[in-house]
Every structure is written in structure tokens, then in C-alpha cells.
Amino acid sequence: MAKERIKETISYIKEKAQTGSLNNIKLRDVESFNALLNMNVKNNNGAALSLNWSWHNTRPSKDMRHAIRAHLLTSICAGDIEMTATAAEATRVKNKTANWLHNEITSLSYVIKYSFYSHK
């Protein structure tokens, strides 16, 4: 399940890059980023992307959960948050808009575009 979160999150980032929702991030950038993720254990095989929100609680739509996971993944890779802080960060951004999350992801585009992640 955790590995699927990474795959789904990368698919979400690819989709948004292709549609232009992530301003300066291109598909080739996301593919390079994905290759780096596959070589690096910093993401804990996707477990850090678990939101742990119950079906019974009010939770964002599936698309928003993907946006939140994309934000978490890029934030972890940028060194802005630790894997142990993802639950708190997810709660903090839970009620933000998709555009806000996309802007946050775009602001960390250097992580995706220039492969700095591989050097951390």
C-alpha cells in the first residue's frame, strides 16, 4: 500500500505538470524525480505519505489527498519537513486549496527539476 502512495503521488504530479497546473515543472522533470525516489529510502517507501484519515471523519476529496501527498513528498525531499512530521503538516494544509498546494509544490520545483534531492 505504501509503495502505491508514491506511485499515485508521482502520477498526480505528472498529470498536473502535463496540464500546466505546476507552472514550471515539466514531465521530464517528474520522471527524473521519480527515478531518484526509486533509488533513495528517504521517503520510507511511501509510509510517510500515509494521511491516516478515517473514512468516518471529514476528509478532503481524493484529488486533494493526492495534492497533499505531493506537497508532503516535495517538502520531505527539500528538507523542509521530516518524515515524522508529515501527519502534522498534512493536518496543517488539509483545508488549503488545490491552487495553494500546487503553488507550494511549484515553489519547491528545484527539488524536482534539478535533482538536488539526490545530494541530500
PDB file of N, CA and C in Angstrom:
ATOM      1  N   MET A   1       0.821  -1.197   0.000  1.00  0.00           N
ATOM      2  CA  MET A   1       0.000   0.000   0.000  1.00  0.00           C
ATOM      3  C   MET A   1       0.861   1.256   0.000  1.00  0.00           C
ATOM      4  N   ALA A   2       1.912   1.281   0.817  1.00  0.00           N
ATOM      5  CA  ALA A   2       2.753   2.474   0.896  1.00  0.00           C
ATOM      6  C   ALA A   2       3.431   2.761  -0.444  1.00  0.00           C
ATOM      7  N   LYS A   3       3.933   1.714  -1.114  1.00  0.00           N
ATOM      8  CA  LYS A   3       4.564   1.902  -2.429  1.00  0.00           C
ATOM      9  C   LYS A   3       3.561   2.490  -3.410  1.00  0.00           C
ATOM     10  N   GLU A   4       2.306   2.098  -3.299  1.00  0.00           N
ATOM     11  CA  GLU A   4       1.274   2.633  -4.179  1.00  0.00           C
ATOM     12  C   GLU A   4       1.086   4.129  -3.962  1.00  0.00           C
ATOM     13  N   ARG A   5       1.262   4.595  -2.738  1.00  0.00           N
ATOM     14  CA  ARG A   5       1.125   6.031  -2.468  1.00  0.00           C
ATOM     15  C   ARG A   5       2.162   6.820  -3.251  1.00  0.00           C
ATOM     16  N   ILE A   6       3.379   6.319  -3.312  1.00  0.00           N
ATOM     17  CA  ILE A   6       4.411   7.004  -4.092  1.00  0.00           C
ATOM     18  C   ILE A   6       4.023   7.003  -5.564  1.00  0.00           C
ATOM     19  N   LYS A   7       3.638   5.844  -6.066  1.00  0.00           N
ATOM     20  CA  LYS A   7       3.263   5.724  -7.478  1.00  0.00           C
ATOM     21  C   LYS A   7       2.097   6.660  -7.808  1.00  0.00           C
ATOM     22  N   GLU A   8       1.079   6.669  -6.965  1.00  0.00           N
ATOM     23  CA  GLU A   8      -0.076   7.534  -7.191  1.00  0.00           C
ATOM     24  C   GLU A   8       0.294   9.010  -7.077  1.00  0.00           C
ATOM     25  N   THR A   9       1.185   9.330  -6.159  1.00  0.00           N
ATOM     26  CA  THR A   9       1.608  10.720  -5.981  1.00  0.00           C
ATOM     27  C   THR A   9       2.411  11.193  -7.185  1.00  0.00           C
ATOM     28  N   ILE A  10       3.306  10.360  -7.671  1.00  0.00           N
ATOM     29  CA  ILE A  10       4.074  10.711  -8.870  1.00  0.00           C
ATOM     30  C   ILE A  10       3.135  10.851 -10.070  1.00  0.00           C
ATOM     31  N   SER A  11       2.159   9.971 -10.183  1.00  0.00           N
ATOM     32  CA  SER A  11       1.175  10.080 -11.273  1.00  0.00           C
ATOM     33  C   SER A  11       0.412  11.389 -11.188  1.00  0.00           C
ATOM     34  N   TYR A  12       0.055  11.791  -9.974  1.00  0.00           N
ATOM     35  CA  TYR A  12      -0.641  13.059  -9.771  1.00  0.00           C
ATOM     36  C   TYR A  12       0.250  14.226 -10.201  1.00  0.00           C
ATOM     37  N   ILE A  13       1.517  14.210  -9.786  1.00  0.00           N
ATOM     38  CA  ILE A  13       2.434  15.292 -10.153  1.00  0.00           C
ATOM     39  C   ILE A  13       2.617  15.324 -11.676  1.00  0.00           C
ATOM     40  N   LYS A  14       2.741  14.148 -12.308  1.00  0.00           N
ATOM     41  CA  LYS A  14       2.864  14.091 -13.771  1.00  0.00           C
ATOM     42  C   LYS A  14       1.649  14.710 -14.444  1.00  0.00           C
ATOM     43  N   GLU A  15       0.472  14.320 -13.978  1.00  0.00           N
ATOM     44  CA  GLU A  15      -0.771  14.841 -14.555  1.00  0.00           C
ATOM     45  C   GLU A  15      -0.825  16.361 -14.448  1.00  0.00           C
ATOM     46  N   LYS A  16      -0.497  16.883 -13.276  1.00  0.00           N
ATOM     47  CA  LYS A  16      -0.553  18.331 -13.066  1.00  0.00           C
ATOM     48  C   LYS A  16       0.532  19.046 -13.866  1.00  0.00           C
ATOM     49  N   ALA A  17       1.688  18.420 -14.027  1.00  0.00           N
ATOM     50  CA  ALA A  17       2.746  19.008 -14.852  1.00  0.00           C
ATOM     51  C   ALA A  17       2.304  19.076 -16.311  1.00  0.00           C
ATOM     52  N   GLN A  18       1.653  18.017 -16.786  1.00  0.00           N
ATOM     53  CA  GLN A  18       1.189  17.985 -18.176  1.00  0.00           C
ATOM     54  C   GLN A  18       0.091  19.007 -18.452  1.00  0.00           C
ATOM     55  N   THR A  19      -0.746  19.267 -17.470  1.00  0.00           N
ATOM     56  CA  THR A  19      -1.835  20.218 -17.672  1.00  0.00           C
ATOM     57  C   THR A  19      -1.424  21.658 -17.378  1.00  0.00           C
ATOM     58  N   GLY A  20      -0.196  21.854 -16.906  1.00  0.00           N
ATOM     59  CA  GLY A  20       0.294  23.196 -16.626  1.00  0.00           C
ATOM     60  C   GLY A  20      -0.078  23.729 -15.259  1.00  0.00           C
ATOM     61  N   SER A  21      -0.638  22.888 -14.408  1.00  0.00           N
ATOM     62  CA  SER A  21      -1.006  23.326 -13.056  1.00  0.00           C
ATOM     63  C   SER A  21       0.207  23.566 -12.170  1.00  0.00           C
ATOM     64  N   LEU A  22       1.334  22.984 -12.547  1.00  0.00           N
ATOM     65  CA  LEU A  22       2.586  23.192 -11.814  1.00  0.00           C
ATOM     66  C   LEU A  22       3.505  23.973 -12.749  1.00  0.00           C
ATOM     67  N   ASN A  23       3.311  25.249 -12.763  1.00  0.00           N
ATOM     68  CA  ASN A  23       3.863  26.198 -13.731  1.00  0.00           C
ATOM     69  C   ASN A  23       5.123  25.789 -14.463  1.00  0.00           C
ATOM     70  N   ASN A  24       6.223  25.661 -13.776  1.00  0.00           N
ATOM     71  CA  ASN A  24       7.493  25.450 -14.464  1.00  0.00           C
ATOM     72  C   ASN A  24       8.022  24.021 -14.354  1.00  0.00           C
ATOM     73  N   ILE A  25       7.194  23.086 -13.954  1.00  0.00           N
ATOM     74  CA  ILE A  25       7.617  21.690 -13.846  1.00  0.00           C
ATOM     75  C   ILE A  25       7.136  20.940 -15.095  1.00  0.00           C
ATOM     76  N   LYS A  26       8.067  20.293 -15.748  1.00  0.00           N
ATOM     77  CA  LYS A  26       7.792  19.547 -16.975  1.00  0.00           C
ATOM     78  C   LYS A  26       7.753  18.053 -16.679  1.00  0.00           C
ATOM     79  N   LEU A  27       7.154  17.303 -17.586  1.00  0.00           N
ATOM     80  CA  LEU A  27       7.041  15.853 -17.429  1.00  0.00           C
ATOM     81  C   LEU A  27       8.412  15.209 -17.254  1.00  0.00           C
ATOM     82  N   ARG A  28       9.396  15.626 -18.022  1.00  0.00           N
ATOM     83  CA  ARG A  28      10.747  15.038 -17.916  1.00  0.00           C
ATOM     84  C   ARG A  28      11.344  15.286 -16.529  1.00  0.00           C
ATOM     85  N   ASP A  29      11.000  16.425 -15.926  1.00  0.00           N
ATOM     86  CA  ASP A  29      11.480  16.714 -14.573  1.00  0.00           C
ATOM     87  C   ASP A  29      10.903  15.715 -13.578  1.00  0.00           C
ATOM     88  N   VAL A  30       9.617  15.421 -13.733  1.00  0.00           N
ATOM     89  CA  VAL A  30       8.944  14.493 -12.825  1.00  0.00           C
ATOM     90  C   VAL A  30       9.504  13.082 -13.004  1.00  0.00           C
ATOM     91  N   GLU A  31       9.791  12.700 -14.243  1.00  0.00           N
ATOM     92  CA  GLU A  31      10.351  11.371 -14.492  1.00  0.00           C
ATOM     93  C   GLU A  31      11.728  11.226 -13.856  1.00  0.00           C
ATOM     94  N   SER A  32      12.540  12.283 -13.914  1.00  0.00           N
ATOM     95  CA  SER A  32      13.858  12.252 -13.257  1.00  0.00           C
ATOM     96  C   SER A  32      13.701  12.173 -11.742  1.00  0.00           C
ATOM     97  N   PHE A  33      12.786  12.948 -11.221  1.00  0.00           N
ATOM     98  CA  PHE A  33      12.499  12.944  -9.786  1.00  0.00           C
ATOM     99  C   PHE A  33      12.063  11.554  -9.335  1.00  0.00           C
ATOM    100  N   ASN A  34      11.210  10.913 -10.117  1.00  0.00           N
ATOM    101  CA  ASN A  34      10.742   9.573  -9.790  1.00  0.00           C
ATOM    102  C   ASN A  34      11.908   8.585  -9.758  1.00  0.00           C
ATOM    103  N   ALA A  35      12.813   8.706 -10.709  1.00  0.00           N
ATOM    104  CA  ALA A  35      13.980   7.816 -10.729  1.00  0.00           C
ATOM    105  C   ALA A  35      14.803   7.995  -9.457  1.00  0.00           C
ATOM    106  N   LEU A  36      14.946   9.233  -9.008  1.00  0.00           N
ATOM    107  CA  LEU A  36      15.692   9.487  -7.774  1.00  0.00           C
ATOM    108  C   LEU A  36      14.974   8.909  -6.562  1.00  0.00           C
ATOM    109  N   LEU A  37      13.661   9.018  -6.545  1.00  0.00           N
ATOM    110  CA  LEU A  37      12.889   8.443  -5.437  1.00  0.00           C
ATOM    111  C   LEU A  37      13.088   6.941  -5.358  1.00  0.00           C
ATOM    112  N   ASN A  38      13.129   6.309  -6.509  1.00  0.00           N
ATOM    113  CA  ASN A  38      13.297   4.856  -6.545  1.00  0.00           C
ATOM    114  C   ASN A  38      14.655   4.421  -6.016  1.00  0.00           C
ATOM    115  N   MET A  39      15.629   5.333  -6.049  1.00  0.00           N
ATOM    116  CA  MET A  39      16.976   4.998  -5.583  1.00  0.00           C
ATOM    117  C   MET A  39      17.210   5.426  -4.135  1.00  0.00           C
ATOM    118  N   ASN A  40      16.280   6.111  -3.534  1.00  0.00           N
ATOM    119  CA  ASN A  40      16.522   6.720  -2.229  1.00  0.00           C
ATOM    120  C   ASN A  40      15.485   6.244  -1.221  1.00  0.00           C
ATOM    121  N   VAL A  41      15.904   5.914  -0.026  1.00  0.00           N
ATOM    122  CA  VAL A  41      14.994   5.424   1.007  1.00  0.00           C
ATOM    123  C   VAL A  41      14.457   6.541   1.895  1.00  0.00           C
ATOM    124  N   LYS A  42      14.783   7.785   1.582  1.00  0.00           N
ATOM    125  CA  LYS A  42      14.394   8.918   2.416  1.00  0.00           C
ATOM    126  C   LYS A  42      12.882   9.035   2.574  1.00  0.00           C
ATOM    127  N   ASN A  43      12.124   8.494   1.642  1.00  0.00           N
ATOM    128  CA  ASN A  43      10.665   8.593   1.705  1.00  0.00           C
ATOM    129  C   ASN A  43      10.038   7.432   2.473  1.00  0.00           C
ATOM    130  N   ASN A  44      10.874   6.539   3.037  1.00  0.00           N
ATOM    131  CA  ASN A  44      10.394   5.408   3.835  1.00  0.00           C
ATOM    132  C   ASN A  44       9.420   4.536   3.044  1.00  0.00           C
ATOM    133  N   ASN A  45       9.730   4.344   1.772  1.00  0.00           N
ATOM    134  CA  ASN A  45       8.903   3.523   0.878  1.00  0.00           C
ATOM    135  C   ASN A  45       7.449   3.971   0.820  1.00  0.00           C
ATOM    136  N   GLY A  46       7.209   5.228   1.051  1.00  0.00           N
ATOM    137  CA  GLY A  46       5.858   5.772   0.937  1.00  0.00           C
ATOM    138  C   GLY A  46       5.083   5.841   2.227  1.00  0.00           C
ATOM    139  N   ALA A  47       5.583   5.225   3.284  1.00  0.00           N
ATOM    140  CA  ALA A  47       4.848   5.233   4.553  1.00  0.00           C
ATOM    141  C   ALA A  47       4.656   6.651   5.086  1.00  0.00           C
ATOM    142  N   ALA A  48       5.583   7.536   4.772  1.00  0.00           N
ATOM    143  CA  ALA A  48       5.475   8.926   5.233  1.00  0.00           C
ATOM    144  C   ALA A  48       4.307   9.656   4.575  1.00  0.00           C
ATOM    145  N   LEU A  49       3.772   9.080   3.507  1.00  0.00           N
ATOM    146  CA  LEU A  49       2.663   9.725   2.798  1.00  0.00           C
ATOM    147  C   LEU A  49       1.294   9.245   3.283  1.00  0.00           C
ATOM    148  N   SER A  50       1.289   8.392   4.271  1.00  0.00           N
ATOM    149  CA  SER A  50       0.021   7.937   4.836  1.00  0.00           C
ATOM    150  C   SER A  50      -0.614   9.077   5.612  1.00  0.00           C
ATOM    151  N   LEU A  51      -1.836   9.415   5.270  1.00  0.00           N
ATOM    152  CA  LEU A  51      -2.514  10.527   5.926  1.00  0.00           C
ATOM    153  C   LEU A  51      -3.269  10.082   7.171  1.00  0.00           C
ATOM    154  N   ASN A  52      -3.565   8.791   7.273  1.00  0.00           N
ATOM    155  CA  ASN A  52      -4.251   8.234   8.448  1.00  0.00           C
ATOM    156  C   ASN A  52      -5.554   8.953   8.788  1.00  0.00           C
ATOM    157  N   TRP A  53      -6.288   9.310   7.761  1.00  0.00           N
ATOM    158  CA  TRP A  53      -7.590   9.943   7.982  1.00  0.00           C
ATOM    159  C   TRP A  53      -8.676   8.897   7.778  1.00  0.00           C
ATOM    160  N   SER A  54      -9.473   8.729   8.764  1.00  0.00           N
ATOM    161  CA  SER A  54     -10.530   7.720   8.751  1.00  0.00           C
ATOM    162  C   SER A  54     -11.591   8.051   7.708  1.00  0.00           C
ATOM    163  N   TRP A  55     -12.196   6.996   7.188  1.00  0.00           N
ATOM    164  CA  TRP A  55     -13.332   7.164   6.270  1.00  0.00           C
ATOM    165  C   TRP A  55     -14.484   7.859   6.988  1.00  0.00           C
ATOM    166  N   HIS A  56     -14.541   7.714   8.297  1.00  0.00           N
ATOM    167  CA  HIS A  56     -15.666   8.248   9.060  1.00  0.00           C
ATOM    168  C   HIS A  56     -15.500   9.729   9.377  1.00  0.00           C
ATOM    169  N   ASN A  57     -14.281  10.229   9.298  1.00  0.00           N
ATOM    170  CA  ASN A  57     -14.044  11.651   9.554  1.00  0.00           C
ATOM    171  C   ASN A  57     -14.195  12.435   8.253  1.00  0.00           C
ATOM    172  N   THR A  58     -14.415  13.708   8.398  1.00  0.00           N
ATOM    173  CA  THR A  58     -14.428  14.560   7.218  1.00  0.00           C
ATOM    174  C   THR A  58     -13.006  14.628   6.691  1.00  0.00           C
ATOM    175  N   ARG A  59     -12.833  14.273   5.457  1.00  0.00           N
ATOM    176  CA  ARG A  59     -11.516  14.342   4.856  1.00  0.00           C
ATOM    177  C   ARG A  59     -11.653  14.908   3.452  1.00  0.00           C
ATOM    178  N   PRO A  60     -10.572  15.445   2.926  1.00  0.00           N
ATOM    179  CA  PRO A  60     -10.636  16.043   1.590  1.00  0.00           C
ATOM    180  C   PRO A  60     -10.936  15.004   0.516  1.00  0.00           C
ATOM    181  N   SER A  61     -11.267  15.495  -0.660  1.00  0.00           N
ATOM    182  CA  SER A  61     -11.520  14.618  -1.803  1.00  0.00           C
ATOM    183  C   SER A  61     -10.248  13.848  -2.163  1.00  0.00           C
ATOM    184  N   LYS A  62     -10.405  12.834  -2.970  1.00  0.00           N
ATOM    185  CA  LYS A  62      -9.266  12.020  -3.394  1.00  0.00           C
ATOM    186  C   LYS A  62      -8.219  12.882  -4.100  1.00  0.00           C
ATOM    187  N   ASP A  63      -8.666  13.797  -4.959  1.00  0.00           N
ATOM    188  CA  ASP A  63      -7.742  14.666  -5.669  1.00  0.00           C
ATOM    189  C   ASP A  63      -6.965  15.556  -4.695  1.00  0.00           C
ATOM    190  N   MET A  64      -7.644  16.073  -3.688  1.00  0.00           N
ATOM    191  CA  MET A  64      -6.968  16.903  -2.686  1.00  0.00           C
ATOM    192  C   MET A  64      -5.988  16.075  -1.858  1.00  0.00           C
ATOM    193  N   ARG A  65      -6.339  14.836  -1.554  1.00  0.00           N
ATOM    194  CA  ARG A  65      -5.402  13.980  -0.816  1.00  0.00           C
ATOM    195  C   ARG A  65      -4.139  13.748  -1.637  1.00  0.00           C
ATOM    196  N   HIS A  66      -4.301  13.596  -2.959  1.00  0.00           N
ATOM    197  CA  HIS A  66      -3.128  13.451  -3.830  1.00  0.00           C
ATOM    198  C   HIS A  66      -2.289  14.731  -3.799  1.00  0.00           C
ATOM    199  N   ALA A  67      -2.952  15.878  -3.836  1.00  0.00           N
ATOM    200  CA  ALA A  67      -2.228  17.160  -3.791  1.00  0.00           C
ATOM    201  C   ALA A  67      -1.471  17.296  -2.474  1.00  0.00           C
ATOM    202  N   ILE A  68      -2.099  16.897  -1.387  1.00  0.00           N
ATOM    203  CA  ILE A  68      -1.445  16.963  -0.077  1.00  0.00           C
ATOM    204  C   ILE A  68      -0.235  16.032  -0.051  1.00  0.00           C
ATOM    205  N   ARG A  69      -0.386  14.832  -0.578  1.00  0.00           N
ATOM    206  CA  ARG A  69       0.744  13.897  -0.614  1.00  0.00           C
ATOM    207  C   ARG A  69       1.877  14.434  -1.485  1.00  0.00           C
ATOM    208  N   ALA A  70       1.533  15.066  -2.600  1.00  0.00           N
ATOM    209  CA  ALA A  70       2.567  15.653  -3.461  1.00  0.00           C
ATOM    210  C   ALA A  70       3.302  16.757  -2.715  1.00  0.00           C
ATOM    211  N   HIS A  71       2.563  17.557  -1.971  1.00  0.00           N
ATOM    212  CA  HIS A  71       3.171  18.608  -1.150  1.00  0.00           C
ATOM    213  C   HIS A  71       4.088  17.982  -0.093  1.00  0.00           C
ATOM    214  N   LEU A  72       3.622  16.929   0.562  1.00  0.00           N
ATOM    215  CA  LEU A  72       4.440  16.270   1.587  1.00  0.00           C
ATOM    216  C   LEU A  72       5.721  15.697   0.984  1.00  0.00           C
ATOM    217  N   LEU A  73       5.583  15.036  -0.144  1.00  0.00           N
ATOM    218  CA  LEU A  73       6.735  14.401  -0.774  1.00  0.00           C
ATOM    219  C   LEU A  73       7.781  15.438  -1.175  1.00  0.00           C
ATOM    220  N   THR A  74       7.359  16.512  -1.819  1.00  0.00           N
ATOM    221  CA  THR A  74       8.329  17.531  -2.220  1.00  0.00           C
ATOM    222  C   THR A  74       8.918  18.232  -0.997  1.00  0.00           C
ATOM    223  N   SER A  75       8.122  18.414   0.035  1.00  0.00           N
ATOM    224  CA  SER A  75       8.628  19.055   1.261  1.00  0.00           C
ATOM    225  C   SER A  75       9.659  18.186   1.976  1.00  0.00           C
ATOM    226  N   ILE A  76       9.417  16.881   2.009  1.00  0.00           N
ATOM    227  CA  ILE A  76      10.392  15.946   2.596  1.00  0.00           C
ATOM    228  C   ILE A  76      11.696  16.005   1.800  1.00  0.00           C
ATOM    229  N   CYS A  77      11.568  15.932   0.494  1.00  0.00           N
ATOM    230  CA  CYS A  77      12.753  15.906  -0.363  1.00  0.00           C
ATOM    231  C   CYS A  77      13.534  17.216  -0.297  1.00  0.00           C
ATOM    232  N   ALA A  78      12.843  18.323  -0.062  1.00  0.00           N
ATOM    233  CA  ALA A  78      13.510  19.626   0.062  1.00  0.00           C
ATOM    234  C   ALA A  78      14.134  19.803   1.431  1.00  0.00           C
ATOM    235  N   GLY A  79      13.801  18.925   2.364  1.00  0.00           N
ATOM    236  CA  GLY A  79      14.314  19.044   3.716  1.00  0.00           C
ATOM    237  C   GLY A  79      13.517  20.019   4.568  1.00  0.00           C
ATOM    238  N   ASP A  80      12.342  20.424   4.081  1.00  0.00           N
ATOM    239  CA  ASP A  80      11.502  21.371   4.825  1.00  0.00           C
ATOM    240  C   ASP A  80      10.781  20.711   5.997  1.00  0.00           C
ATOM    241  N   ILE A  81      10.478  19.427   5.845  1.00  0.00           N
ATOM    242  CA  ILE A  81       9.855  18.680   6.939  1.00  0.00           C
ATOM    243  C   ILE A  81      10.521  17.310   7.045  1.00  0.00           C
ATOM    244  N   GLU A  82      10.454  16.754   8.231  1.00  0.00           N
ATOM    245  CA  GLU A  82      10.947  15.397   8.468  1.00  0.00           C
ATOM    246  C   GLU A  82       9.807  14.414   8.236  1.00  0.00           C
ATOM    247  N   MET A  83      10.164  13.174   7.953  1.00  0.00           N
ATOM    248  CA  MET A  83       9.120  12.159   7.751  1.00  0.00           C
ATOM    249  C   MET A  83       8.225  12.024   8.975  1.00  0.00           C
ATOM    250  N   THR A  84       8.770  12.247  10.142  1.00  0.00           N
ATOM    251  CA  THR A  84       7.989  12.123  11.371  1.00  0.00           C
ATOM    252  C   THR A  84       6.998  13.272  11.550  1.00  0.00           C
ATOM    253  N   ALA A  85       7.125  14.312  10.745  1.00  0.00           N
ATOM    254  CA  ALA A  85       6.250  15.485  10.872  1.00  0.00           C
ATOM    255  C   ALA A  85       5.172  15.548   9.797  1.00  0.00           C
ATOM    256  N   THR A  86       5.047  14.496   8.998  1.00  0.00           N
ATOM    257  CA  THR A  86       4.092  14.569   7.886  1.00  0.00           C
ATOM    258  C   THR A  86       2.639  14.627   8.352  1.00  0.00           C
ATOM    259  N   ALA A  87       2.310  13.946   9.430  1.00  0.00           N
ATOM    260  CA  ALA A  87       0.918  13.983   9.910  1.00  0.00           C
ATOM    261  C   ALA A  87       0.531  15.394  10.330  1.00  0.00           C
ATOM    262  N   ALA A  88       1.416  16.057  11.039  1.00  0.00           N
ATOM    263  CA  ALA A  88       1.138  17.437  11.472  1.00  0.00           C
ATOM    264  C   ALA A  88       1.046  18.369  10.268  1.00  0.00           C
ATOM    265  N   GLU A  89       1.942  18.187   9.307  1.00  0.00           N
ATOM    266  CA  GLU A  89       1.916  19.042   8.112  1.00  0.00           C
ATOM    267  C   GLU A  89       0.645  18.781   7.296  1.00  0.00           C
ATOM    268  N   ALA A  90       0.254  17.524   7.178  1.00  0.00           N
ATOM    269  CA  ALA A  90      -0.975  17.195   6.443  1.00  0.00           C
ATOM    270  C   ALA A  90      -2.188  17.852   7.099  1.00  0.00           C
ATOM    271  N   THR A  91      -2.237  17.826   8.407  1.00  0.00           N
ATOM    272  CA  THR A  91      -3.330  18.471   9.134  1.00  0.00           C
ATOM    273  C   THR A  91      -3.298  19.978   8.912  1.00  0.00           C
ATOM    274  N   ARG A  92      -2.113  20.552   8.909  1.00  0.00           N
ATOM    275  CA  ARG A  92      -1.973  21.996   8.709  1.00  0.00           C
ATOM    276  C   ARG A  92      -2.489  22.448   7.344  1.00  0.00           C
ATOM    277  N   VAL A  93      -2.241  21.636   6.310  1.00  0.00           N
ATOM    278  CA  VAL A  93      -2.617  22.044   4.947  1.00  0.00           C
ATOM    279  C   VAL A  93      -3.933  21.430   4.476  1.00  0.00           C
ATOM    280  N   LYS A  94      -4.565  20.652   5.317  1.00  0.00           N
ATOM    281  CA  LYS A  94      -5.776  19.913   4.940  1.00  0.00           C
ATOM    282  C   LYS A  94      -6.864  20.797   4.331  1.00  0.00           C
ATOM    283  N   ASN A  95      -7.023  21.999   4.841  1.00  0.00           N
ATOM    284  CA  ASN A  95      -8.099  22.872   4.362  1.00  0.00           C
ATOM    285  C   ASN A  95      -7.643  23.926   3.368  1.00  0.00           C
ATOM    286  N   LYS A  96      -6.421  23.792   2.878  1.00  0.00           N
ATOM    287  CA  LYS A  96      -5.923  24.703   1.834  1.00  0.00           C
ATOM    288  C   LYS A  96      -6.545  24.312   0.501  1.00  0.00           C
ATOM    289  N   THR A  97      -6.438  25.190  -0.467  1.00  0.00           N
ATOM    290  CA  THR A  97      -6.976  24.900  -1.807  1.00  0.00           C
ATOM    291  C   THR A  97      -5.949  24.142  -2.628  1.00  0.00           C
ATOM    292  N   ALA A  98      -6.416  23.520  -3.699  1.00  0.00           N
ATOM    293  CA  ALA A  98      -5.510  22.827  -4.619  1.00  0.00           C
ATOM    294  C   ALA A  98      -4.517  23.814  -5.209  1.00  0.00           C
ATOM    295  N   ASN A  99      -4.973  25.014  -5.557  1.00  0.00           N
ATOM    296  CA  ASN A  99      -4.056  26.017  -6.115  1.00  0.00           C
ATOM    297  C   ASN A  99      -2.958  26.373  -5.126  1.00  0.00           C
ATOM    298  N   TRP A 100      -3.298  26.505  -3.857  1.00  0.00           N
ATOM    299  CA  TRP A 100      -2.292  26.807  -2.837  1.00  0.00           C
ATOM    300  C   TRP A 100      -1.260  25.690  -2.782  1.00  0.00           C
ATOM    301  N   LEU A 101      -1.728  24.444  -2.762  1.00  0.00           N
ATOM    302  CA  LEU A 101      -0.817  23.296  -2.714  1.00  0.00           C
ATOM    303  C   LEU A 101       0.059  23.243  -3.968  1.00  0.00           C
ATOM    304  N   HIS A 102      -0.535  23.503  -5.125  1.00  0.00           N
ATOM    305  CA  HIS A 102       0.238  23.500  -6.377  1.00  0.00           C
ATOM    306  C   HIS A 102       1.313  24.588  -6.339  1.00  0.00           C
ATOM    307  N   ASN A 103       0.981  25.752  -5.786  1.00  0.00           N
ATOM    308  CA  ASN A 103       1.981  26.820  -5.653  1.00  0.00           C
ATOM    309  C   ASN A 103       3.111  26.406  -4.720  1.00  0.00           C
ATOM    310  N   GLU A 104       2.762  25.710  -3.643  1.00  0.00           N
ATOM    311  CA  GLU A 104       3.792  25.219  -2.724  1.00  0.00           C
ATOM    312  C   GLU A 104       4.707  24.204  -3.419  1.00  0.00           C
ATOM    313  N   ILE A 105       4.116  23.308  -4.178  1.00  0.00           N
ATOM    314  CA  ILE A 105       4.896  22.311  -4.913  1.00  0.00           C
ATOM    315  C   ILE A 105       5.789  23.012  -5.933  1.00  0.00           C
ATOM    316  N   THR A 106       5.230  23.975  -6.647  1.00  0.00           N
ATOM    317  CA  THR A 106       5.992  24.723  -7.644  1.00  0.00           C
ATOM    318  C   THR A 106       7.135  25.496  -6.987  1.00  0.00           C
ATOM    319  N   SER A 107       6.900  26.022  -5.790  1.00  0.00           N
ATOM    320  CA  SER A 107       7.964  26.769  -5.107  1.00  0.00           C
ATOM    321  C   SER A 107       9.139  25.861  -4.741  1.00  0.00           C
ATOM    322  N   LEU A 108       8.892  24.574  -4.691  1.00  0.00           N
ATOM    323  CA  LEU A 108       9.957  23.601  -4.408  1.00  0.00           C
ATOM    324  C   LEU A 108      10.392  22.870  -5.679  1.00  0.00           C
ATOM    325  N   SER A 109      10.095  23.479  -6.817  1.00  0.00           N
ATOM    326  CA  SER A 109      10.363  22.808  -8.090  1.00  0.00           C
ATOM    327  C   SER A 109      11.833  22.456  -8.279  1.00  0.00           C
ATOM    328  N   TYR A 110      12.723  23.198  -7.608  1.00  0.00           N
ATOM    329  CA  TYR A 110      14.145  22.873  -7.732  1.00  0.00           C
ATOM    330  C   TYR A 110      14.419  21.443  -7.296  1.00  0.00           C
ATOM    331  N   VAL A 111      13.623  20.934  -6.351  1.00  0.00           N
ATOM    332  CA  VAL A 111      13.792  19.553  -5.890  1.00  0.00           C
ATOM    333  C   VAL A 111      13.503  18.596  -7.031  1.00  0.00           C
ATOM    334  N   ILE A 112      12.478  18.894  -7.794  1.00  0.00           N
ATOM    335  CA  ILE A 112      12.072  18.030  -8.903  1.00  0.00           C
ATOM    336  C   ILE A 112      12.942  18.292 -10.131  1.00  0.00           C
ATOM    337  N   LYS A 113      13.167  19.555 -10.446  1.00  0.00           N
ATOM    338  CA  LYS A 113      13.828  19.924 -11.693  1.00  0.00           C
ATOM    339  C   LYS A 113      15.328  19.678 -11.713  1.00  0.00           C
ATOM    340  N   TYR A 114      15.992  19.922 -10.597  1.00  0.00           N
ATOM    341  CA  TYR A 114      17.447  19.936 -10.638  1.00  0.00           C
ATOM    342  C   TYR A 114      18.100  18.824  -9.837  1.00  0.00           C
ATOM    343  N   SER A 115      17.307  17.904  -9.375  1.00  0.00           N
ATOM    344  CA  SER A 115      17.817  16.692  -8.726  1.00  0.00           C
ATOM    345  C   SER A 115      18.664  16.960  -7.485  1.00  0.00           C
ATOM    346  N   PHE A 116      18.416  18.069  -6.800  1.00  0.00           N
ATOM    347  CA  PHE A 116      19.126  18.333  -5.558  1.00  0.00           C
ATOM    348  C   PHE A 116      18.848  17.241  -4.535  1.00  0.00           C
ATOM    349  N   TYR A 117      17.689  16.629  -4.667  1.00  0.00           N
ATOM    350  CA  TYR A 117      17.285  15.579  -3.729  1.00  0.00           C
ATOM    351  C   TYR A 117      18.341  14.475  -3.647  1.00  0.00           C
ATOM    352  N   SER A 118      18.943  14.160  -4.761  1.00  0.00           N
ATOM    353  CA  SER A 118      19.907  13.063  -4.780  1.00  0.00           C
ATOM    354  C   SER A 118      21.169  13.384  -3.981  1.00  0.00           C
ATOM    355  N   HIS A 119      21.379  14.657  -3.666  1.00  0.00           N
ATOM    356  CA  HIS A 119      22.576  15.051  -2.954  1.00  0.00           C
ATOM    357  C   HIS A 119      22.340  15.252  -1.458  1.00  0.00           C
ATOM    358  N   LYS A 120      21.120  15.079  -0.996  1.00  0.00           N
ATOM    359  CA  LYS A 120      20.806  15.316   0.421  1.00  0.00           C
ATOM    360  C   LYS A 120      21.044  14.062   1.222  1.00  0.00           C
TER     361      LYS A 120
END
